[in-house]
Amino acid sequence: MKKITLLICAAFLVTTINSCSKKGMPNPTDPDPGFTNIIYNGASNFSVARSGLAGAGTDGSIFFGGGTTDNGTTISNAVDVYNTIQGLWYTGALSKARYQLTATSTYSKIIFAGGHDSTSYSKVVDIYDLIKNRWTPTAQLSEAREGLAAASIGDIAVFAGGKGTSGVSKTVDIYDASTNKWTTAALSLARTGLVAATAGTKILFAGGVDGNGVPQKTVDIYDISTKTWSVTAMGTERSRFAGAGAANKIVFAGGDTNTNGRVKTADIYDVKTNVWTTSQLSEGREDLTAVGIPNKIVFAGGYNGTGLSTTADIYDVKNGTWTNLTINQGRILMAGASSDNFILFAGGKDVTGASKVVNFFSLSN
C-alpha cells in the first residue's frame, strides 16, 4: 500500500489536521525494513502535556489523542500527529474530550474509542481516514466504558473489556473498516486495565483486574482468520503491565501481581506454536508502556519502586535476547505507537505531573 502524506497547513484543514511544525525535532535515521538494530533518536515535545491519552500509527502517521492534564479535572481533545515521512508534527482534535480511552489502526484508519469525558463513561468512536485525509462521522461502541483495550489486524479492529456504569465489562466490539460495520462478542472474563497485542492472525487480550480489583492471568485470543475465540493464560496474573507483538511473538511484561507485587517477569506467547515461555525485564516496574515493530518489542518507562524509570528494555523476537537503552525522562502511563519502523512514546506523568515529552526510536543498520 502506498504511503499517505498528510496535506500541509492548508486553510481548509481546520476541521481535520490543522497545523504543523518542526520545533525540537530529532532527525531519525531513515529506517529500512531490512534493518535489525534499534536506536534511540532523542526527544521532542507535542502540543499539550497530558496522561491517560492513547496512541496508534499506520502508513507513516502516528497519532496521539485525548488525555488529561491533571488526573481528570481538565480533559483534553487534543490530537498530535507525527508524520514519519516528513518529520513534521500536526495537530487536530477529537470530537469530544476524554481520557482513559484506547486507540488502534487499520490499513488506512486511526481509531480512538471510549474513555471518560467530563461527566461519565464514553462510547464515542473517532475515526481518521488517512486516504480521505479527514475525520469521518463519529461512531459508537455498544457500551460506554473506559480502561478498555484495542488492537487490530488488517481491516479488523477489536475493542474489549473496560469499566462502565454497570461495572467491569466483558463486552467486545469488532469493527470491519472495509465494510464500516460493527459486531459484538464477549470476553471469557470481565476485566478492566487489560492489555491487547497482536501477531500473525491473532489478537490477545491479557490480564487486567476483575470486578473486585484482583489481577488476572486470563488471556482471550481472537483469530481473525477463523473468527473464533479461545482462552489461555499467562504464567502469572498481572495488572498495570504492558505488552506488544512483533513477527510471531507477543510479550507481556512487568506490572503488579496478586502474590509477588511489582515484577520483572515476561510471558512470551508464540502464535505459531501456541506455546508460552518466560523471560524477564532488566528491572521490575509497573505502569510501563510497550510497542512493537517488525522484529523488536520495546518496554519503556514505568515505576520501579524507587522512582520513575528511564529504562527501555528491547526484546529481539528473532534471537530471543534482550538489550537496553534509556529515554531522557522517566515517566509512567505513556502512550506508545509505531509506524514505518519508528516507535514513539508520548506524554504520561513525570515527577512534576503531566508530560509533553515524546521519545523516538527507529530501526537502523
Protein backbone atom coordinates (compact mmCIF):
# COMPACT_ATOMS: atom_id res chain seq x y z
CA MET A 1 0.00 0.00 0.00
CA LYS A 2 1.41 3.37 -0.95
CA LYS A 3 2.26 5.85 1.78
CA ILE A 4 -0.23 8.62 2.51
CA THR A 5 1.23 12.07 3.16
CA LEU A 6 -0.88 14.50 5.20
CA LEU A 7 -1.61 17.79 3.48
CA ILE A 8 0.44 20.65 4.84
CA CYS A 9 -1.18 23.58 6.68
CA ALA A 10 -3.91 24.38 4.16
CA ALA A 11 -6.72 26.58 5.39
CA PHE A 12 -9.41 24.04 4.60
CA LEU A 13 -7.87 21.54 7.04
CA VAL A 14 -9.08 23.46 10.10
CA THR A 15 -11.59 20.69 10.83
CA THR A 16 -9.07 17.92 10.25
CA ILE A 17 -5.34 18.20 10.90
CA ASN A 18 -4.65 21.89 11.12
CA SER A 19 -1.10 22.86 11.98
CA CYS A 20 2.48 21.76 11.57
CA SER A 21 5.89 22.49 12.99
CA LYS A 22 9.44 21.17 13.17
CA LYS A 23 10.26 22.57 16.59
CA GLY A 24 12.57 20.47 18.71
CA MET A 25 12.52 17.53 16.31
CA PRO A 26 15.25 14.91 16.34
CA ASN A 27 16.50 13.69 12.98
CA PRO A 28 15.95 9.93 12.98
CA THR A 29 17.80 7.71 10.56
CA ASP A 30 15.53 6.86 7.66
CA PRO A 31 14.76 3.21 8.51
CA ASP A 32 14.73 0.32 6.11
CA PRO A 33 12.57 -2.78 6.65
CA GLY A 34 15.70 -4.95 6.46
CA PHE A 35 17.46 -3.15 9.31
CA THR A 36 17.68 -5.13 12.53
CA ASN A 37 19.24 -2.76 15.08
CA ILE A 38 17.24 -0.28 17.11
CA ILE A 39 18.50 3.14 18.13
CA TYR A 40 17.22 5.93 20.34
CA ASN A 41 16.83 9.09 18.28
CA GLY A 42 16.13 11.61 21.05
CA ALA A 43 13.12 13.54 22.29
CA SER A 44 10.70 16.23 21.22
CA ASN A 45 7.53 17.80 22.61
CA PHE A 46 3.98 17.60 21.39
CA SER A 47 1.33 20.30 21.86
CA VAL A 48 -0.29 19.60 25.24
CA ALA A 49 1.13 17.84 28.32
CA ARG A 50 -1.20 15.01 29.30
CA SER A 51 -1.54 11.46 30.60
CA GLY A 52 -4.35 8.98 30.07
CA LEU A 53 -4.02 9.51 26.32
CA ALA A 54 -3.95 6.88 23.56
CA GLY A 55 -1.78 6.34 20.51
CA ALA A 56 -1.88 4.44 17.22
CA GLY A 57 0.02 4.52 13.94
CA THR A 58 -0.23 3.35 10.37
CA ASP A 59 1.19 4.13 6.94
CA GLY A 60 3.64 6.82 8.03
CA SER A 61 1.42 8.66 10.53
CA ILE A 62 1.43 8.27 14.33
CA PHE A 63 -1.49 9.78 16.26
CA PHE A 64 -1.79 10.63 19.97
CA GLY A 65 -5.21 11.74 21.20
CA GLY A 66 -7.13 12.75 24.31
CA GLY A 67 -5.85 12.59 27.88
CA THR A 68 -5.94 14.71 31.00
CA THR A 69 -3.57 17.36 32.30
CA ASP A 70 -4.49 16.89 35.96
CA ASN A 71 -5.89 13.46 36.81
CA GLY A 72 -9.28 14.01 35.20
CA THR A 73 -10.22 17.55 36.21
CA THR A 74 -9.11 19.05 32.90
CA ILE A 75 -9.73 16.72 29.95
CA SER A 76 -8.22 17.21 26.50
CA ASN A 77 -9.48 16.60 22.98
CA ALA A 78 -6.05 17.36 21.52
CA VAL A 79 -4.65 15.18 18.76
CA ASP A 80 -0.95 15.31 17.86
CA VAL A 81 0.16 13.61 14.65
CA TYR A 82 3.74 12.82 13.70
CA ASN A 83 4.40 12.15 10.02
CA THR A 84 7.40 9.82 9.75
CA ILE A 85 7.97 10.65 6.09
CA GLN A 86 8.15 14.43 6.55
CA GLY A 87 9.43 14.56 10.13
CA LEU A 88 6.64 17.02 10.95
CA TRP A 89 4.05 17.38 13.70
CA TYR A 90 0.41 18.24 13.02
CA THR A 91 -2.42 18.98 15.43
CA GLY A 92 -6.13 18.29 15.37
CA ALA A 93 -8.97 17.45 17.73
CA LEU A 94 -11.22 14.60 18.77
CA SER A 95 -14.96 15.19 18.56
CA LYS A 96 -15.15 15.06 22.36
CA ALA A 97 -12.52 15.48 25.07
CA ARG A 98 -11.87 12.31 27.06
CA TYR A 99 -9.18 10.29 28.83
CA GLN A 100 -8.57 6.62 29.62
CA LEU A 101 -9.59 5.94 26.01
CA THR A 102 -7.95 3.46 23.67
CA ALA A 103 -6.69 3.61 20.09
CA THR A 104 -5.73 1.30 17.26
CA SER A 105 -5.31 1.42 13.49
CA THR A 106 -6.39 -0.49 10.40
CA TYR A 107 -4.69 -0.24 7.00
CA SER A 108 -5.73 3.38 6.48
CA LYS A 109 -7.70 4.45 9.54
CA ILE A 110 -6.80 5.60 13.05
CA ILE A 111 -9.49 4.85 15.61
CA PHE A 112 -9.96 6.37 19.09
CA ALA A 113 -12.66 4.72 21.20
CA GLY A 114 -14.34 5.03 24.59
CA GLY A 115 -12.81 6.68 27.63
CA HIS A 116 -14.24 9.04 30.22
CA ASP A 117 -15.45 12.54 29.35
CA SER A 118 -16.24 15.40 31.72
CA THR A 119 -19.32 13.71 33.15
CA SER A 120 -19.33 9.97 32.51
CA TYR A 121 -18.06 6.98 30.56
CA SER A 122 -17.98 7.45 26.80
CA LYS A 123 -18.96 5.26 23.85
CA VAL A 124 -17.73 7.75 21.24
CA VAL A 125 -15.51 6.46 18.43
CA ASP A 126 -13.47 8.95 16.38
CA ILE A 127 -12.06 7.62 13.09
CA TYR A 128 -9.48 9.43 10.96
CA ASP A 129 -9.31 8.29 7.34
CA LEU A 130 -5.77 8.76 6.02
CA ILE A 131 -6.82 8.24 2.41
CA LYS A 132 -9.54 10.89 2.54
CA ASN A 133 -7.41 12.95 4.96
CA ARG A 134 -10.31 13.77 7.26
CA TRP A 135 -12.26 12.65 10.30
CA THR A 136 -15.26 10.52 9.38
CA PRO A 137 -18.65 10.87 11.13
CA THR A 138 -18.33 9.57 14.68
CA ALA A 139 -19.40 6.06 15.52
CA GLN A 140 -20.23 4.45 18.87
CA LEU A 141 -19.23 1.41 20.87
CA SER A 142 -22.06 -0.82 22.02
CA GLU A 143 -21.26 0.08 25.63
CA ALA A 144 -19.73 3.22 27.12
CA ARG A 145 -16.55 2.38 29.03
CA GLU A 146 -13.01 3.39 30.00
CA GLY A 147 -9.94 1.23 30.59
CA LEU A 148 -10.68 -0.95 27.57
CA ALA A 149 -8.01 -2.39 25.26
CA ALA A 150 -7.82 -2.35 21.47
CA ALA A 151 -5.78 -3.98 18.73
CA SER A 152 -6.16 -4.64 15.02
CA ILE A 153 -5.01 -6.82 12.15
CA GLY A 154 -5.61 -5.67 8.60
CA ASP A 155 -9.07 -4.09 8.42
CA ILE A 156 -10.34 -5.69 11.65
CA ALA A 157 -10.18 -3.65 14.87
CA VAL A 158 -11.26 -5.16 18.20
CA PHE A 159 -12.13 -3.25 21.40
CA ALA A 160 -12.54 -5.29 24.57
CA GLY A 161 -13.25 -5.04 28.28
CA GLY A 162 -13.08 -1.90 30.37
CA LYS A 163 -15.33 -0.39 33.01
CA GLY A 164 -18.70 1.32 32.58
CA THR A 165 -21.78 2.27 34.55
CA SER A 166 -22.59 -1.40 35.13
CA GLY A 167 -19.09 -2.17 36.41
CA VAL A 168 -16.27 -4.14 34.84
CA SER A 169 -17.19 -5.31 31.35
CA LYS A 170 -16.64 -8.36 29.15
CA THR A 171 -18.05 -6.61 26.07
CA VAL A 172 -16.14 -6.84 22.78
CA ASP A 173 -16.83 -4.52 19.85
CA ILE A 174 -15.43 -5.58 16.46
CA TYR A 175 -15.11 -3.07 13.62
CA ASP A 176 -14.53 -4.03 9.99
CA ALA A 177 -13.03 -0.99 8.28
CA SER A 178 -13.59 -2.47 4.82
CA THR A 179 -17.37 -2.56 5.31
CA ASN A 180 -17.73 0.05 8.06
CA LYS A 181 -19.77 -2.49 10.03
CA TRP A 182 -19.73 -3.29 13.76
CA THR A 183 -20.42 -6.59 15.53
CA THR A 184 -20.13 -7.67 19.16
CA ALA A 185 -18.72 -10.59 21.14
CA ALA A 186 -17.69 -11.25 24.75
CA LEU A 187 -14.53 -12.00 26.70
CA SER A 188 -14.43 -15.13 28.83
CA LEU A 189 -13.97 -12.95 31.93
CA ALA A 190 -14.95 -9.33 32.56
CA ARG A 191 -11.95 -7.14 33.35
CA THR A 192 -10.55 -3.65 33.01
CA GLY A 193 -6.98 -2.44 32.58
CA LEU A 194 -6.28 -5.41 30.32
CA VAL A 195 -3.64 -5.26 27.55
CA ALA A 196 -4.09 -6.08 23.86
CA ALA A 197 -1.38 -7.21 21.43
CA THR A 198 -1.22 -8.85 18.01
CA ALA A 199 0.96 -11.22 16.00
CA GLY A 200 0.18 -13.31 12.94
CA THR A 201 -3.61 -13.65 12.71
CA LYS A 202 -4.22 -13.48 16.45
CA ILE A 203 -5.25 -10.69 18.81
CA LEU A 204 -4.63 -11.37 22.51
CA PHE A 205 -6.40 -9.64 25.41
CA ALA A 206 -4.43 -10.37 28.56
CA GLY A 207 -4.63 -9.79 32.29
CA GLY A 208 -6.23 -6.77 33.92
CA VAL A 209 -8.37 -6.72 37.06
CA ASP A 210 -11.81 -8.19 37.67
CA GLY A 211 -14.77 -6.53 39.38
CA ASN A 212 -13.12 -6.96 42.77
CA GLY A 213 -9.89 -5.31 41.65
CA VAL A 214 -7.98 -8.60 41.63
CA PRO A 215 -5.29 -9.03 38.91
CA GLN A 216 -5.97 -11.87 36.47
CA LYS A 217 -3.86 -14.14 34.23
CA THR A 218 -6.61 -14.90 31.70
CA VAL A 219 -5.83 -14.36 28.01
CA ASP A 220 -8.63 -14.28 25.42
CA ILE A 221 -7.46 -14.93 21.85
CA TYR A 222 -9.35 -13.84 18.74
CA ASP A 223 -8.16 -15.40 15.47
CA ILE A 224 -9.25 -13.17 12.58
CA SER A 225 -8.62 -15.93 10.01
CA THR A 226 -11.20 -18.24 11.59
CA LYS A 227 -13.23 -15.62 13.50
CA THR A 228 -13.04 -17.83 16.57
CA TRP A 229 -12.19 -17.24 20.24
CA SER A 230 -10.06 -19.36 22.57
CA VAL A 231 -8.70 -18.91 26.08
CA THR A 232 -5.25 -19.42 27.56
CA ALA A 233 -3.35 -17.92 30.49
CA MET A 234 -0.12 -16.12 31.30
CA GLY A 235 2.27 -17.61 33.81
CA THR A 236 1.26 -15.01 36.39
CA GLU A 237 -1.64 -12.66 36.98
CA ARG A 238 -0.94 -9.04 36.04
CA SER A 239 -2.29 -5.52 36.32
CA ARG A 240 -0.61 -2.22 35.37
CA PHE A 241 1.62 -4.10 32.92
CA ALA A 242 2.41 -3.77 29.21
CA GLY A 243 2.51 -5.94 26.13
CA ALA A 244 3.13 -5.87 22.40
CA GLY A 245 3.76 -8.17 19.47
CA ALA A 246 6.23 -8.49 16.59
CA ALA A 247 6.68 -11.23 13.97
CA ASN A 248 5.24 -14.38 15.59
CA LYS A 249 5.76 -13.43 19.26
CA ILE A 250 3.72 -11.48 21.83
CA VAL A 251 5.33 -10.40 25.09
CA PHE A 252 3.53 -9.31 28.27
CA ALA A 253 5.83 -7.99 30.99
CA GLY A 254 6.09 -6.14 34.29
CA GLY A 255 3.15 -4.92 36.33
CA ASP A 256 1.69 -5.97 39.66
CA THR A 257 0.59 -9.46 40.71
CA ASN A 258 -1.54 -10.94 43.47
CA THR A 259 1.34 -12.70 45.18
CA ASN A 260 4.64 -11.03 44.30
CA GLY A 261 3.76 -7.35 43.94
CA ARG A 262 5.77 -5.48 41.32
CA VAL A 263 7.52 -7.92 38.95
CA LYS A 264 10.01 -8.00 36.08
CA THR A 265 8.86 -11.32 34.64
CA ALA A 266 7.82 -11.57 30.99
CA ASP A 267 5.39 -14.08 29.48
CA ILE A 268 6.11 -14.75 25.78
CA TYR A 269 3.50 -16.34 23.52
CA ASP A 270 4.36 -17.89 20.14
CA VAL A 271 1.30 -17.57 17.89
CA LYS A 272 2.54 -20.32 15.56
CA THR A 273 3.09 -22.99 18.20
CA ASN A 274 0.68 -21.66 20.87
CA VAL A 275 3.46 -22.21 23.42
CA TRP A 276 4.29 -19.90 26.34
CA THR A 277 7.83 -19.28 27.57
CA THR A 278 9.15 -16.91 30.23
CA SER A 279 11.88 -14.30 30.46
CA GLN A 280 12.38 -11.06 32.35
CA LEU A 281 12.93 -7.32 32.07
CA SER A 282 16.05 -5.71 33.49
CA GLU A 283 14.02 -4.31 36.40
CA GLY A 284 10.56 -4.80 37.85
CA ARG A 285 8.21 -1.92 37.18
CA GLU A 286 4.57 -1.01 36.78
CA ASP A 287 2.68 1.45 34.55
CA LEU A 288 5.26 0.94 31.77
CA THR A 289 4.45 1.04 28.03
CA ALA A 290 5.26 -1.40 25.22
CA VAL A 291 5.34 -1.09 21.42
CA GLY A 292 6.45 -3.50 18.71
CA ILE A 293 7.97 -3.00 15.25
CA PRO A 294 8.87 -5.74 12.73
CA ASN A 295 11.48 -7.56 14.82
CA LYS A 296 11.72 -5.71 18.15
CA ILE A 297 9.46 -5.03 21.13
CA VAL A 298 10.33 -2.08 23.38
CA PHE A 299 9.20 -1.73 27.03
CA ALA A 300 9.83 1.82 28.25
CA GLY A 301 9.39 3.81 31.44
CA GLY A 302 7.31 2.83 34.45
CA TYR A 303 7.73 3.00 38.22
CA ASN A 304 10.40 0.67 39.64
CA GLY A 305 9.70 1.05 43.34
CA THR A 306 12.15 3.88 43.99
CA GLY A 307 11.41 6.26 41.15
CA LEU A 308 10.31 6.76 37.57
CA SER A 309 12.37 4.59 35.24
CA THR A 310 14.23 5.78 32.14
CA THR A 311 14.91 2.17 31.07
CA ALA A 312 13.87 0.87 27.67
CA ASP A 313 14.12 -2.94 27.57
CA ILE A 314 14.26 -4.22 23.98
CA TYR A 315 13.32 -7.79 23.09
CA ASP A 316 14.69 -9.20 19.84
CA VAL A 317 11.99 -11.51 18.52
CA LYS A 318 14.31 -13.41 16.17
CA ASN A 319 17.10 -14.10 18.66
CA GLY A 320 15.10 -14.16 21.88
CA THR A 321 17.57 -11.76 23.53
CA TRP A 322 17.25 -8.52 25.48
CA THR A 323 19.20 -5.25 25.27
CA ASN A 324 18.73 -1.89 26.97
CA LEU A 325 18.55 1.76 26.02
CA THR A 326 17.35 4.77 28.01
CA ILE A 327 14.90 7.59 27.43
CA ASN A 328 15.64 11.14 28.53
CA GLN A 329 12.87 11.41 31.13
CA GLY A 330 11.39 8.80 33.45
CA ARG A 331 7.60 8.62 33.12
CA ILE A 332 4.63 6.40 33.80
CA LEU A 333 1.43 5.90 31.81
CA MET A 334 2.86 6.97 28.45
CA ALA A 335 1.10 6.27 25.17
CA GLY A 336 3.08 4.33 22.60
CA ALA A 337 2.66 3.73 18.88
CA SER A 338 4.65 2.78 15.80
CA SER A 339 4.70 3.13 12.02
CA ASP A 340 7.31 2.65 9.30
CA ASN A 341 9.82 1.16 11.78
CA PHE A 342 9.56 4.16 14.11
CA ILE A 343 8.40 3.84 17.71
CA LEU A 344 7.21 6.86 19.71
CA PHE A 345 6.49 7.04 23.44
CA ALA A 346 4.48 10.16 24.28
CA GLY A 347 3.13 12.06 27.27
CA GLY A 348 2.39 10.34 30.56
CA LYS A 349 3.41 11.58 34.00
CA ASP A 350 6.84 12.68 35.19
CA VAL A 351 7.78 13.75 38.72
CA THR A 352 6.05 17.13 38.27
CA GLY A 353 2.83 15.95 36.61
CA ALA A 354 1.59 15.54 33.04
CA SER A 355 4.33 15.49 30.39
CA LYS A 356 4.51 16.60 26.77
CA VAL A 357 7.77 14.76 26.04
CA VAL A 358 7.91 12.36 23.07
CA ASN A 359 10.74 9.81 22.76
CA PHE A 360 11.78 8.44 19.34
CA PHE A 361 13.20 5.02 18.46
CA SER A 362 13.87 3.61 14.99
CA LEU A 363 15.41 0.60 13.29
CA SER A 364 18.85 1.06 11.75
CA ASN A 365 21.76 -0.98 10.42
